Amino acid sequence: TALSLGGYGAARGNDYRSAGRFRLASLSVVEPYGPSRILVWLQAARAGGCNGDSGGPITGEAGVLALAAWVKRVCGGLTQGILLGPQRGWIDRTLGGWGTAARWTP
Protein backbone atom coordinates (compact mmCIF):
# COMPACT_ATOMS: atom_id res chain seq x y z
CA THR A 1 0.00 0.00 0.00
CA ALA A 2 1.29 3.47 -0.86
CA LEU A 3 0.44 6.68 0.98
CA SER A 4 1.50 10.28 0.35
CA LEU A 5 3.46 12.34 2.86
CA GLY A 6 3.27 16.12 2.59
CA GLY A 7 5.44 18.64 4.37
CA TYR A 8 7.47 21.83 4.35
CA GLY A 9 10.72 20.22 5.52
CA ALA A 10 14.16 20.23 3.98
CA ALA A 11 14.52 18.68 0.53
CA ARG A 12 17.98 17.23 1.20
CA GLY A 13 19.90 16.26 4.33
CA ASN A 14 20.88 19.32 6.33
CA ASP A 15 19.97 21.79 3.56
CA TYR A 16 17.57 23.84 5.69
CA ARG A 17 17.47 26.60 3.07
CA SER A 18 15.42 24.20 0.94
CA ALA A 19 12.69 24.07 3.63
CA GLY A 20 9.49 26.10 3.42
CA ARG A 21 8.14 24.70 0.16
CA PHE A 22 5.34 22.13 0.32
CA ARG A 23 6.36 18.81 -1.22
CA LEU A 24 4.69 15.42 -1.57
CA ALA A 25 6.33 12.00 -1.55
CA SER A 26 4.71 8.64 -2.28
CA LEU A 27 5.86 6.08 0.28
CA SER A 28 5.10 2.41 0.88
CA VAL A 29 3.61 1.20 4.14
CA VAL A 30 6.04 -1.12 5.97
CA GLU A 31 5.89 -2.93 9.32
CA PRO A 32 9.46 -2.95 10.67
CA TYR A 33 8.28 -3.83 14.19
CA GLY A 34 5.10 -5.70 13.29
CA PRO A 35 1.54 -4.35 12.94
CA SER A 36 0.56 -1.26 14.94
CA ARG A 37 -2.81 0.16 15.92
CA ILE A 38 -1.58 3.72 16.54
CA LEU A 39 1.34 4.19 14.13
CA VAL A 40 1.97 3.89 10.41
CA TRP A 41 5.51 3.33 9.15
CA LEU A 42 6.50 4.44 5.65
CA GLN A 43 9.58 3.95 3.48
CA ALA A 44 10.75 4.39 -0.11
CA ALA A 45 14.09 3.93 -1.83
CA ARG A 46 14.64 7.61 -2.68
CA ALA A 47 12.09 9.50 -0.59
CA GLY A 48 10.87 9.97 2.94
CA GLY A 49 10.19 12.56 5.57
CA CYS A 50 12.81 15.17 6.39
CA ASN A 51 13.48 17.52 9.30
CA GLY A 52 10.64 20.04 9.26
CA ASP A 53 7.96 17.66 7.95
CA SER A 54 6.58 16.86 11.43
CA GLY A 55 2.85 17.45 11.61
CA GLY A 56 2.48 17.13 7.85
CA PRO A 57 -0.41 15.08 6.44
CA ILE A 58 -0.10 11.44 5.46
CA THR A 59 -2.90 10.77 3.01
CA GLY A 60 -4.55 7.89 1.19
CA GLU A 61 -7.60 7.63 -1.01
CA ALA A 62 -9.90 8.37 1.96
CA GLY A 63 -8.09 11.60 2.92
CA VAL A 64 -5.75 12.38 5.82
CA LEU A 65 -5.01 9.20 7.79
CA ALA A 66 -2.05 10.23 9.93
CA LEU A 67 0.39 13.03 10.76
CA ALA A 68 4.15 12.81 10.27
CA ALA A 69 5.96 12.45 13.60
CA TRP A 70 9.48 11.03 13.21
CA VAL A 71 12.19 10.23 10.67
CA LYS A 72 15.03 7.76 11.26
CA ARG A 73 17.63 9.93 9.52
CA VAL A 74 17.83 13.66 8.88
CA CYS A 75 16.14 13.11 5.52
CA GLY A 76 14.62 10.06 3.86
CA GLY A 77 14.53 6.59 5.23
CA LEU A 78 12.02 5.15 7.65
CA THR A 79 9.23 7.63 8.43
CA GLN A 80 6.66 7.32 11.23
CA GLY A 81 3.15 8.76 11.37
CA ILE A 82 0.57 8.89 14.16
CA LEU A 83 -2.78 7.47 12.99
CA LEU A 84 -5.66 9.90 13.54
CA GLY A 85 -8.45 7.35 14.06
CA PRO A 86 -7.25 6.17 17.49
CA GLN A 87 -6.85 9.83 18.55
CA ARG A 88 -10.32 10.86 17.40
CA GLY A 89 -11.82 11.23 20.89
CA TRP A 90 -9.01 13.51 22.05
CA ILE A 91 -9.16 15.53 18.81
CA ASP A 92 -12.94 15.98 19.14
CA ARG A 93 -12.68 17.05 22.81
CA THR A 94 -9.87 19.49 22.10
CA LEU A 95 -11.59 21.05 19.08
CA GLY A 96 -14.87 21.22 21.02
CA GLY A 97 -13.08 23.21 23.71
CA TRP A 98 -12.03 25.65 21.00
CA GLY A 99 -15.60 25.93 19.71
CA THR A 100 -15.05 24.00 16.48
CA ALA A 101 -15.29 20.42 15.19
CA ALA A 102 -13.55 18.08 12.76
CA ARG A 103 -15.39 16.87 9.66
CA TRP A 104 -14.80 13.12 9.83
CA THR A 105 -15.71 10.86 6.92
CA PRO A 106 -16.68 7.21 7.39
PDB file of N, CA and C in Angstrom:
ATOM      1  N   THR A   1       0.846  -1.187   0.000  1.00  0.00           N
ATOM      2  CA  THR A   1       0.000   0.000   0.000  1.00  0.00           C
ATOM      3  C   THR A   1       0.881   1.236   0.000  1.00  0.00           C
ATOM      4  N   ALA A   2       0.544   2.212  -0.821  1.00  0.00           N
ATOM      5  CA  ALA A   2       1.295   3.470  -0.865  1.00  0.00           C
ATOM      6  C   ALA A   2       0.438   4.603  -0.306  1.00  0.00           C
ATOM      7  N   LEU A   3       1.074   5.470   0.456  1.00  0.00           N
ATOM      8  CA  LEU A   3       0.445   6.675   0.984  1.00  0.00           C
ATOM      9  C   LEU A   3       1.307   7.861   0.597  1.00  0.00           C
ATOM     10  N   SER A   4       0.748   9.058   0.669  1.00  0.00           N
ATOM     11  CA  SER A   4       1.501  10.277   0.355  1.00  0.00           C
ATOM     12  C   SER A   4       1.796  11.041   1.629  1.00  0.00           C
ATOM     13  N   LEU A   5       3.034  11.499   1.742  1.00  0.00           N
ATOM     14  CA  LEU A   5       3.460  12.343   2.856  1.00  0.00           C
ATOM     15  C   LEU A   5       3.673  13.746   2.324  1.00  0.00           C
ATOM     16  N   GLY A   6       3.083  14.729   2.973  1.00  0.00           N
ATOM     17  CA  GLY A   6       3.270  16.123   2.588  1.00  0.00           C
ATOM     18  C   GLY A   6       3.945  16.889   3.704  1.00  0.00           C
ATOM     19  N   GLY A   7       4.790  17.842   3.335  1.00  0.00           N
ATOM     20  CA  GLY A   7       5.442  18.643   4.370  1.00  0.00           C
ATOM     21  C   GLY A   7       6.262  19.777   3.803  1.00  0.00           C
ATOM     22  N   TYR A   8       6.678  20.651   4.698  1.00  0.00           N
ATOM     23  CA  TYR A   8       7.473  21.829   4.354  1.00  0.00           C
ATOM     24  C   TYR A   8       8.932  21.671   4.769  1.00  0.00           C
ATOM     25  N   GLY A   9       9.361  20.457   5.044  1.00  0.00           N
ATOM     26  CA  GLY A   9      10.716  20.219   5.524  1.00  0.00           C
ATOM     27  C   GLY A   9      11.776  20.373   4.453  1.00  0.00           C
ATOM     28  N   ALA A  10      13.009  20.139   4.878  1.00  0.00           N
ATOM     29  CA  ALA A  10      14.160  20.228   3.980  1.00  0.00           C
ATOM     30  C   ALA A  10      14.012  19.228   2.834  1.00  0.00           C
ATOM     31  N   ALA A  11      14.576  19.568   1.693  1.00  0.00           N
ATOM     32  CA  ALA A  11      14.524  18.679   0.532  1.00  0.00           C
ATOM     33  C   ALA A  11      15.685  17.688   0.538  1.00  0.00           C
ATOM     34  N   ARG A  12      16.794  18.068   1.177  1.00  0.00           N
ATOM     35  CA  ARG A  12      17.983  17.232   1.204  1.00  0.00           C
ATOM     36  C   ARG A  12      18.692  17.394   2.542  1.00  0.00           C
ATOM     37  N   GLY A  13      19.060  16.281   3.134  1.00  0.00           N
ATOM     38  CA  GLY A  13      19.896  16.263   4.329  1.00  0.00           C
ATOM     39  C   GLY A  13      19.768  17.465   5.236  1.00  0.00           C
ATOM     40  N   ASN A  14      20.868  18.142   5.452  1.00  0.00           N
ATOM     41  CA  ASN A  14      20.884  19.317   6.328  1.00  0.00           C
ATOM     42  C   ASN A  14      20.739  20.625   5.566  1.00  0.00           C
ATOM     43  N   ASP A  15      20.163  20.584   4.378  1.00  0.00           N
ATOM     44  CA  ASP A  15      19.972  21.790   3.562  1.00  0.00           C
ATOM     45  C   ASP A  15      18.690  22.502   4.000  1.00  0.00           C
ATOM     46  N   TYR A  16      18.758  23.203   5.130  1.00  0.00           N
ATOM     47  CA  TYR A  16      17.569  23.836   5.688  1.00  0.00           C
ATOM     48  C   TYR A  16      17.087  25.018   4.861  1.00  0.00           C
ATOM     49  N   ARG A  17      17.930  25.530   3.973  1.00  0.00           N
ATOM     50  CA  ARG A  17      17.473  26.605   3.075  1.00  0.00           C
ATOM     51  C   ARG A  17      16.445  26.088   2.071  1.00  0.00           C
ATOM     52  N   SER A  18      16.399  24.771   1.874  1.00  0.00           N
ATOM     53  CA  SER A  18      15.420  24.198   0.945  1.00  0.00           C
ATOM     54  C   SER A  18      14.056  23.988   1.615  1.00  0.00           C
ATOM     55  N   ALA A  19      13.957  24.230   2.913  1.00  0.00           N
ATOM     56  CA  ALA A  19      12.686  24.068   3.632  1.00  0.00           C
ATOM     57  C   ALA A  19      11.747  25.228   3.302  1.00  0.00           C
ATOM     58  N   GLY A  20      10.472  25.033   3.607  1.00  0.00           N
ATOM     59  CA  GLY A  20       9.493  26.098   3.419  1.00  0.00           C
ATOM     60  C   GLY A  20       8.649  25.952   2.172  1.00  0.00           C
ATOM     61  N   ARG A  21       8.937  24.967   1.363  1.00  0.00           N
ATOM     62  CA  ARG A  21       8.144  24.702   0.159  1.00  0.00           C
ATOM     63  C   ARG A  21       7.420  23.372   0.357  1.00  0.00           C
ATOM     64  N   PHE A  22       6.108  23.356   0.112  1.00  0.00           N
ATOM     65  CA  PHE A  22       5.336  22.132   0.316  1.00  0.00           C
ATOM     66  C   PHE A  22       5.686  21.109  -0.758  1.00  0.00           C
ATOM     67  N   ARG A  23       6.025  19.905  -0.312  1.00  0.00           N
ATOM     68  CA  ARG A  23       6.362  18.811  -1.220  1.00  0.00           C
ATOM     69  C   ARG A  23       5.573  17.568  -0.826  1.00  0.00           C
ATOM     70  N   LEU A  24       5.357  16.701  -1.794  1.00  0.00           N
ATOM     71  CA  LEU A  24       4.690  15.417  -1.566  1.00  0.00           C
ATOM     72  C   LEU A  24       5.626  14.285  -1.957  1.00  0.00           C
ATOM     73  N   ALA A  25       5.566  13.201  -1.209  1.00  0.00           N
ATOM     74  CA  ALA A  25       6.327  11.999  -1.549  1.00  0.00           C
ATOM     75  C   ALA A  25       5.407  10.796  -1.397  1.00  0.00           C
ATOM     76  N   SER A  26       5.469   9.886  -2.350  1.00  0.00           N
ATOM     77  CA  SER A  26       4.708   8.643  -2.277  1.00  0.00           C
ATOM     78  C   SER A  26       5.586   7.599  -1.599  1.00  0.00           C
ATOM     79  N   LEU A  27       5.088   7.026  -0.510  1.00  0.00           N
ATOM     80  CA  LEU A  27       5.862   6.077   0.280  1.00  0.00           C
ATOM     81  C   LEU A  27       5.057   4.799   0.499  1.00  0.00           C
ATOM     82  N   SER A  28       5.752   3.697   0.619  1.00  0.00           N
ATOM     83  CA  SER A  28       5.103   2.410   0.875  1.00  0.00           C
ATOM     84  C   SER A  28       4.946   2.182   2.372  1.00  0.00           C
ATOM     85  N   VAL A  29       3.830   1.575   2.746  1.00  0.00           N
ATOM     86  CA  VAL A  29       3.613   1.200   4.141  1.00  0.00           C
ATOM     87  C   VAL A  29       4.465  -0.031   4.439  1.00  0.00           C
ATOM     88  N   VAL A  30       5.212   0.013   5.532  1.00  0.00           N
ATOM     89  CA  VAL A  30       6.036  -1.116   5.972  1.00  0.00           C
ATOM     90  C   VAL A  30       5.707  -1.399   7.442  1.00  0.00           C
ATOM     91  N   GLU A  31       6.112  -2.562   7.920  1.00  0.00           N
ATOM     92  CA  GLU A  31       5.889  -2.934   9.320  1.00  0.00           C
ATOM     93  C   GLU A  31       7.205  -3.430   9.922  1.00  0.00           C
ATOM     94  N   PRO A  32       8.151  -2.515  10.190  1.00  0.00           N
ATOM     95  CA  PRO A  32       9.461  -2.948  10.670  1.00  0.00           C
ATOM     96  C   PRO A  32       9.422  -3.586  12.055  1.00  0.00           C
ATOM     97  N   TYR A  33       8.402  -3.289  12.835  1.00  0.00           N
ATOM     98  CA  TYR A  33       8.282  -3.831  14.193  1.00  0.00           C
ATOM     99  C   TYR A  33       6.974  -4.594  14.362  1.00  0.00           C
ATOM    100  N   GLY A  34       6.375  -5.011  13.255  1.00  0.00           N
ATOM    101  CA  GLY A  34       5.097  -5.699  13.287  1.00  0.00           C
ATOM    102  C   GLY A  34       3.944  -4.712  13.165  1.00  0.00           C
ATOM    103  N   PRO A  35       2.707  -5.211  13.097  1.00  0.00           N
ATOM    104  CA  PRO A  35       1.541  -4.346  12.941  1.00  0.00           C
ATOM    105  C   PRO A  35       1.375  -3.398  14.136  1.00  0.00           C
ATOM    106  N   SER A  36       0.812  -2.238  13.877  1.00  0.00           N
ATOM    107  CA  SER A  36       0.561  -1.258  14.935  1.00  0.00           C
ATOM    108  C   SER A  36      -0.851  -0.710  14.803  1.00  0.00           C
ATOM    109  N   ARG A  37      -1.460  -0.416  15.921  1.00  0.00           N
ATOM    110  CA  ARG A  37      -2.808   0.160  15.919  1.00  0.00           C
ATOM    111  C   ARG A  37      -2.795   1.674  16.049  1.00  0.00           C
ATOM    112  N   ILE A  38      -1.635   2.261  16.365  1.00  0.00           N
ATOM    113  CA  ILE A  38      -1.583   3.719  16.539  1.00  0.00           C
ATOM    114  C   ILE A  38      -0.574   4.405  15.621  1.00  0.00           C
ATOM    115  N   LEU A  39       0.296   3.619  14.983  1.00  0.00           N
ATOM    116  CA  LEU A  39       1.342   4.190  14.127  1.00  0.00           C
ATOM    117  C   LEU A  39       1.252   3.625  12.719  1.00  0.00           C
ATOM    118  N   VAL A  40       1.752   4.397  11.761  1.00  0.00           N
ATOM    119  CA  VAL A  40       1.974   3.891  10.413  1.00  0.00           C
ATOM    120  C   VAL A  40       3.441   4.179  10.092  1.00  0.00           C
ATOM    121  N   TRP A  41       4.107   3.193   9.529  1.00  0.00           N
ATOM    122  CA  TRP A  41       5.509   3.327   9.149  1.00  0.00           C
ATOM    123  C   TRP A  41       5.590   3.348   7.631  1.00  0.00           C
ATOM    124  N   LEU A  42       6.387   4.260   7.095  1.00  0.00           N
ATOM    125  CA  LEU A  42       6.501   4.438   5.646  1.00  0.00           C
ATOM    126  C   LEU A  42       7.964   4.413   5.236  1.00  0.00           C
ATOM    127  N   GLN A  43       8.209   3.971   3.989  1.00  0.00           N
ATOM    128  CA  GLN A  43       9.576   3.951   3.483  1.00  0.00           C
ATOM    129  C   GLN A  43       9.554   3.874   1.966  1.00  0.00           C
ATOM    130  N   ALA A  44      10.545   4.476   1.340  1.00  0.00           N
ATOM    131  CA  ALA A  44      10.749   4.391  -0.106  1.00  0.00           C
ATOM    132  C   ALA A  44      12.247   4.464  -0.364  1.00  0.00           C
ATOM    133  N   ALA A  45      12.662   3.981  -1.513  1.00  0.00           N
ATOM    134  CA  ALA A  45      14.090   3.934  -1.829  1.00  0.00           C
ATOM    135  C   ALA A  45      14.722   5.323  -1.894  1.00  0.00           C
ATOM    136  N   ARG A  46      14.033   6.299  -2.478  1.00  0.00           N
ATOM    137  CA  ARG A  46      14.637   7.606  -2.677  1.00  0.00           C
ATOM    138  C   ARG A  46      13.795   8.743  -2.123  1.00  0.00           C
ATOM    139  N   ALA A  47      12.947   8.448  -1.152  1.00  0.00           N
ATOM    140  CA  ALA A  47      12.091   9.500  -0.591  1.00  0.00           C
ATOM    141  C   ALA A  47      11.782   9.173   0.858  1.00  0.00           C
ATOM    142  N   GLY A  48      11.276  10.154   1.558  1.00  0.00           N
ATOM    143  CA  GLY A  48      10.873   9.968   2.945  1.00  0.00           C
ATOM    144  C   GLY A  48      10.716  11.317   3.602  1.00  0.00           C
ATOM    145  N   GLY A  49      10.304  11.312   4.828  1.00  0.00           N
ATOM    146  CA  GLY A  49      10.186  12.556   5.570  1.00  0.00           C
ATOM    147  C   GLY A  49      11.550  13.150   5.847  1.00  0.00           C
ATOM    148  N   CYS A  50      11.576  14.462   6.069  1.00  0.00           N
ATOM    149  CA  CYS A  50      12.812  15.172   6.394  1.00  0.00           C
ATOM    150  C   CYS A  50      12.561  16.070   7.601  1.00  0.00           C
ATOM    151  N   ASN A  51      13.641  16.568   8.207  1.00  0.00           N
ATOM    152  CA  ASN A  51      13.482  17.525   9.296  1.00  0.00           C
ATOM    153  C   ASN A  51      12.602  18.670   8.833  1.00  0.00           C
ATOM    154  N   GLY A  52      11.579  18.987   9.618  1.00  0.00           N
ATOM    155  CA  GLY A  52      10.641  20.044   9.264  1.00  0.00           C
ATOM    156  C   GLY A  52       9.319  19.532   8.733  1.00  0.00           C
ATOM    157  N   ASP A  53       9.216  18.232   8.457  1.00  0.00           N
ATOM    158  CA  ASP A  53       7.962  17.660   7.950  1.00  0.00           C
ATOM    159  C   ASP A  53       7.005  17.241   9.069  1.00  0.00           C
ATOM    160  N   SER A  54       7.437  17.283  10.312  1.00  0.00           N
ATOM    161  CA  SER A  54       6.583  16.858  11.429  1.00  0.00           C
ATOM    162  C   SER A  54       5.262  17.610  11.422  1.00  0.00           C
ATOM    163  N   GLY A  55       4.189  16.864  11.623  1.00  0.00           N
ATOM    164  CA  GLY A  55       2.851  17.453  11.606  1.00  0.00           C
ATOM    165  C   GLY A  55       2.227  17.479  10.234  1.00  0.00           C
ATOM    166  N   GLY A  56       3.000  17.141   9.214  1.00  0.00           N
ATOM    167  CA  GLY A  56       2.481  17.128   7.846  1.00  0.00           C
ATOM    168  C   GLY A  56       1.516  15.974   7.634  1.00  0.00           C
ATOM    169  N   PRO A  57       0.596  16.114   6.678  1.00  0.00           N
ATOM    170  CA  PRO A  57      -0.408  15.080   6.444  1.00  0.00           C
ATOM    171  C   PRO A  57       0.158  13.847   5.746  1.00  0.00           C
ATOM    172  N   ILE A  58      -0.334  12.695   6.161  1.00  0.00           N
ATOM    173  CA  ILE A  58      -0.102  11.436   5.464  1.00  0.00           C
ATOM    174  C   ILE A  58      -1.469  11.026   4.941  1.00  0.00           C
ATOM    175  N   THR A  59      -1.588  10.955   3.622  1.00  0.00           N
ATOM    176  CA  THR A  59      -2.899  10.770   3.009  1.00  0.00           C
ATOM    177  C   THR A  59      -2.974   9.493   2.182  1.00  0.00           C
ATOM    178  N   GLY A  60      -4.205   9.009   2.060  1.00  0.00           N
ATOM    179  CA  GLY A  60      -4.547   7.895   1.193  1.00  0.00           C
ATOM    180  C   GLY A  60      -5.780   8.288   0.413  1.00  0.00           C
ATOM    181  N   GLU A  61      -6.409   7.336  -0.213  1.00  0.00           N
ATOM    182  CA  GLU A  61      -7.604   7.626  -1.010  1.00  0.00           C
ATOM    183  C   GLU A  61      -8.725   8.236  -0.180  1.00  0.00           C
ATOM    184  N   ALA A  62      -8.815   7.885   1.100  1.00  0.00           N
ATOM    185  CA  ALA A  62      -9.898   8.368   1.965  1.00  0.00           C
ATOM    186  C   ALA A  62      -9.629   9.750   2.547  1.00  0.00           C
ATOM    187  N   GLY A  63      -8.431  10.289   2.350  1.00  0.00           N
ATOM    188  CA  GLY A  63      -8.090  11.600   2.923  1.00  0.00           C
ATOM    189  C   GLY A  63      -6.921  11.480   3.875  1.00  0.00           C
ATOM    190  N   VAL A  64      -6.855  12.373   4.851  1.00  0.00           N
ATOM    191  CA  VAL A  64      -5.749  12.379   5.815  1.00  0.00           C
ATOM    192  C   VAL A  64      -5.951  11.234   6.806  1.00  0.00           C
ATOM    193  N   LEU A  65      -4.950  10.362   6.902  1.00  0.00           N
ATOM    194  CA  LEU A  65      -5.008   9.198   7.789  1.00  0.00           C
ATOM    195  C   LEU A  65      -4.118   9.340   9.011  1.00  0.00           C
ATOM    196  N   ALA A  66      -3.043  10.124   8.865  1.00  0.00           N
ATOM    197  CA  ALA A  66      -2.050  10.231   9.932  1.00  0.00           C
ATOM    198  C   ALA A  66      -1.294  11.548   9.781  1.00  0.00           C
ATOM    199  N   LEU A  67      -0.490  11.864  10.798  1.00  0.00           N
ATOM    200  CA  LEU A  67       0.385  13.033  10.760  1.00  0.00           C
ATOM    201  C   LEU A  67       1.821  12.577  10.954  1.00  0.00           C
ATOM    202  N   ALA A  68       2.735  13.159  10.181  1.00  0.00           N
ATOM    203  CA  ALA A  68       4.148  12.807  10.275  1.00  0.00           C
ATOM    204  C   ALA A  68       4.677  13.153  11.663  1.00  0.00           C
ATOM    205  N   ALA A  69       5.475  12.238  12.237  1.00  0.00           N
ATOM    206  CA  ALA A  69       5.959  12.447  13.597  1.00  0.00           C
ATOM    207  C   ALA A  69       7.473  12.274  13.746  1.00  0.00           C
ATOM    208  N   TRP A  70       8.089  11.399  12.954  1.00  0.00           N
ATOM    209  CA  TRP A  70       9.477  11.034  13.211  1.00  0.00           C
ATOM    210  C   TRP A  70      10.114  10.500  11.936  1.00  0.00           C
ATOM    211  N   VAL A  71      11.408  10.754  11.794  1.00  0.00           N
ATOM    212  CA  VAL A  71      12.189  10.232  10.667  1.00  0.00           C
ATOM    213  C   VAL A  71      13.462   9.617  11.234  1.00  0.00           C
ATOM    214  N   LYS A  72      13.855   8.457  10.731  1.00  0.00           N
ATOM    215  CA  LYS A  72      15.031   7.762  11.262  1.00  0.00           C
ATOM    216  C   LYS A  72      16.321   8.535  11.018  1.00  0.00           C
ATOM    217  N   ARG A  73      16.449   9.132   9.846  1.00  0.00           N
ATOM    218  CA  ARG A  73      17.631   9.933   9.519  1.00  0.00           C
ATOM    219  C   ARG A  73      17.202  11.381   9.357  1.00  0.00           C
ATOM    220  N   VAL A  74      18.149  12.249   9.093  1.00  0.00           N
ATOM    221  CA  VAL A  74      17.830  13.661   8.880  1.00  0.00           C
ATOM    222  C   VAL A  74      16.851  13.818   7.730  1.00  0.00           C
ATOM    223  N   CYS A  75      17.015  13.005   6.692  1.00  0.00           N
ATOM    224  CA  CYS A  75      16.144  13.108   5.522  1.00  0.00           C
ATOM    225  C   CYS A  75      16.047  11.743   4.841  1.00  0.00           C
ATOM    226  N   GLY A  76      14.824  11.346   4.518  1.00  0.00           N
ATOM    227  CA  GLY A  76      14.618  10.063   3.865  1.00  0.00           C
ATOM    228  C   GLY A  76      14.619   8.924   4.863  1.00  0.00           C
ATOM    229  N   GLY A  77      14.525   7.752   4.361  1.00  0.00           N
ATOM    230  CA  GLY A  77      14.532   6.586   5.231  1.00  0.00           C
ATOM    231  C   GLY A  77      13.189   6.330   5.883  1.00  0.00           C
ATOM    232  N   LEU A  78      13.219   5.545   6.928  1.00  0.00           N
ATOM    233  CA  LEU A  78      12.017   5.148   7.647  1.00  0.00           C
ATOM    234  C   LEU A  78      11.322   6.369   8.243  1.00  0.00           C
ATOM    235  N   THR A  79      10.022   6.490   7.978  1.00  0.00           N
ATOM    236  CA  THR A  79       9.228   7.635   8.431  1.00  0.00           C
ATOM    237  C   THR A  79       8.035   7.110   9.225  1.00  0.00           C
ATOM    238  N   GLN A  80       7.749   7.752  10.358  1.00  0.00           N
ATOM    239  CA  GLN A  80       6.657   7.317  11.227  1.00  0.00           C
ATOM    240  C   GLN A  80       5.550   8.355  11.258  1.00  0.00           C
ATOM    241  N   GLY A  81       4.307   7.879  11.231  1.00  0.00           N
ATOM    242  CA  GLY A  81       3.153   8.756  11.374  1.00  0.00           C
ATOM    243  C   GLY A  81       2.244   8.271  12.485  1.00  0.00           C
ATOM    244  N   ILE A  82       1.539   9.202  13.119  1.00  0.00           N
ATOM    245  CA  ILE A  82       0.567   8.886  14.163  1.00  0.00           C
ATOM    246  C   ILE A  82      -0.805   8.804  13.503  1.00  0.00           C
ATOM    247  N   LEU A  83      -1.451   7.644  13.583  1.00  0.00           N
ATOM    248  CA  LEU A  83      -2.778   7.470  12.989  1.00  0.00           C
ATOM    249  C   LEU A  83      -3.802   8.345  13.712  1.00  0.00           C
ATOM    250  N   LEU A  84      -4.672   9.001  12.950  1.00  0.00           N
ATOM    251  CA  LEU A  84      -5.662   9.904  13.538  1.00  0.00           C
ATOM    252  C   LEU A  84      -6.852   9.179  14.146  1.00  0.00           C
ATOM    253  N   GLY A  85      -7.273   8.063  13.564  1.00  0.00           N
ATOM    254  CA  GLY A  85      -8.451   7.348  14.057  1.00  0.00           C
ATOM    255  C   GLY A  85      -8.406   7.053  15.549  1.00  0.00           C
ATOM    256  N   PRO A  86      -7.316   6.463  16.061  1.00  0.00           N
ATOM    257  CA  PRO A  86      -7.251   6.171  17.487  1.00  0.00           C
ATOM    258  C   PRO A  86      -7.224   7.422  18.370  1.00  0.00           C
ATOM    259  N   GLN A  87      -6.922   8.567  17.795  1.00  0.00           N
ATOM    260  CA  GLN A  87      -6.848   9.827  18.549  1.00  0.00           C
ATOM    261  C   GLN A  87      -8.128  10.647  18.422  1.00  0.00           C
ATOM    262  N   ARG A  88      -9.115  10.091  17.738  1.00  0.00           N
ATOM    263  CA  ARG A  88     -10.322  10.861  17.405  1.00  0.00           C
ATOM    264  C   ARG A  88     -11.017  11.467  18.627  1.00  0.00           C
ATOM    265  N   GLY A  89     -11.173  10.711  19.692  1.00  0.00           N
ATOM    266  CA  GLY A  89     -11.825  11.233  20.894  1.00  0.00           C
ATOM    267  C   GLY A  89     -11.120  12.456  21.439  1.00  0.00           C
ATOM    268  N   TRP A  90      -9.793  12.375  21.547  1.00  0.00           N
ATOM    269  CA  TRP A  90      -9.007  13.507  22.046  1.00  0.00           C
ATOM    270  C   TRP A  90      -9.114  14.701  21.099  1.00  0.00           C
ATOM    271  N   ILE A  91      -9.041  14.445  19.797  1.00  0.00           N
ATOM    272  CA  ILE A  91      -9.160  15.525  18.807  1.00  0.00           C
ATOM    273  C   ILE A  91     -10.517  16.203  18.935  1.00  0.00           C
ATOM    274  N   ASP A  92     -11.589  15.411  19.024  1.00  0.00           N
ATOM    275  CA  ASP A  92     -12.937  15.981  19.144  1.00  0.00           C
ATOM    276  C   ASP A  92     -13.089  16.805  20.424  1.00  0.00           C
ATOM    277  N   ARG A  93     -12.583  16.298  21.551  1.00  0.00           N
ATOM    278  CA  ARG A  93     -12.678  17.051  22.814  1.00  0.00           C
ATOM    279  C   ARG A  93     -11.894  18.355  22.746  1.00  0.00           C
ATOM    280  N   THR A  94     -10.701  18.293  22.185  1.00  0.00           N
ATOM    281  CA  THR A  94      -9.866  19.490  22.096  1.00  0.00           C
ATOM    282  C   THR A  94     -10.502  20.527  21.184  1.00  0.00           C
ATOM    283  N   LEU A  95     -10.942  20.113  20.000  1.00  0.00           N
ATOM    284  CA  LEU A  95     -11.585  21.053  19.081  1.00  0.00           C
ATOM    285  C   LEU A  95     -12.881  21.603  19.667  1.00  0.00           C
ATOM    286  N   GLY A  96     -13.643  20.758  20.376  1.00  0.00           N
ATOM    287  CA  GLY A  96     -14.871  21.218  21.021  1.00  0.00           C
ATOM    288  C   GLY A  96     -14.585  22.315  22.032  1.00  0.00           C
ATOM    289  N   GLY A  97     -13.493  22.184  22.759  1.00  0.00           N
ATOM    290  CA  GLY A  97     -13.083  23.213  23.715  1.00  0.00           C
ATOM    291  C   GLY A  97     -12.729  24.523  23.035  1.00  0.00           C
ATOM    292  N   TRP A  98     -12.358  24.450  21.782  1.00  0.00           N
ATOM    293  CA  TRP A  98     -12.032  25.651  21.003  1.00  0.00           C
ATOM    294  C   TRP A  98     -13.233  26.170  20.224  1.00  0.00           C
ATOM    295  N   GLY A  99     -14.378  25.489  20.390  1.00  0.00           N
ATOM    296  CA  GLY A  99     -15.597  25.928  19.712  1.00  0.00           C
ATOM    297  C   GLY A  99     -15.691  25.523  18.252  1.00  0.00           C
ATOM    298  N   THR A 100     -14.996  24.458  17.872  1.00  0.00           N
ATOM    299  CA  THR A 100     -15.051  23.995  16.481  1.00  0.00           C
ATOM    300  C   THR A 100     -15.122  22.467  16.467  1.00  0.00           C
ATOM    301  N   ALA A 101     -15.200  21.879  15.301  1.00  0.00           N
ATOM    302  CA  ALA A 101     -15.290  20.423  15.189  1.00  0.00           C
ATOM    303  C   ALA A 101     -14.612  19.948  13.912  1.00  0.00           C
ATOM    304  N   ALA A 102     -14.132  18.710  13.949  1.00  0.00           N
ATOM    305  CA  ALA A 102     -13.554  18.081  12.757  1.00  0.00           C
ATOM    306  C   ALA A 102     -14.684  17.546  11.887  1.00  0.00           C
ATOM    307  N   ARG A 103     -14.435  17.483  10.592  1.00  0.00           N
ATOM    308  CA  ARG A 103     -15.392  16.867   9.659  1.00  0.00           C
ATOM    309  C   ARG A 103     -14.860  15.492   9.289  1.00  0.00           C
ATOM    310  N   TRP A 104     -15.247  14.486  10.055  1.00  0.00           N
ATOM    311  CA  TRP A 104     -14.795  13.117   9.827  1.00  0.00           C
ATOM    312  C   TRP A 104     -15.618  12.475   8.715  1.00  0.00           C
ATOM    313  N   THR A 105     -14.982  11.631   7.940  1.00  0.00           N
ATOM    314  CA  THR A 105     -15.705  10.859   6.924  1.00  0.00           C
ATOM    315  C   THR A 105     -15.625   9.389   7.311  1.00  0.00           C
ATOM    316  N   PRO A 106     -16.679   8.633   7.014  1.00  0.00           N
ATOM    317  CA  PRO A 106     -16.678   7.205   7.390  1.00  0.00           C
ATOM    318  C   PRO A 106     -15.625   6.409   6.642  1.00  0.00           C
TER     319      PRO A 106
END
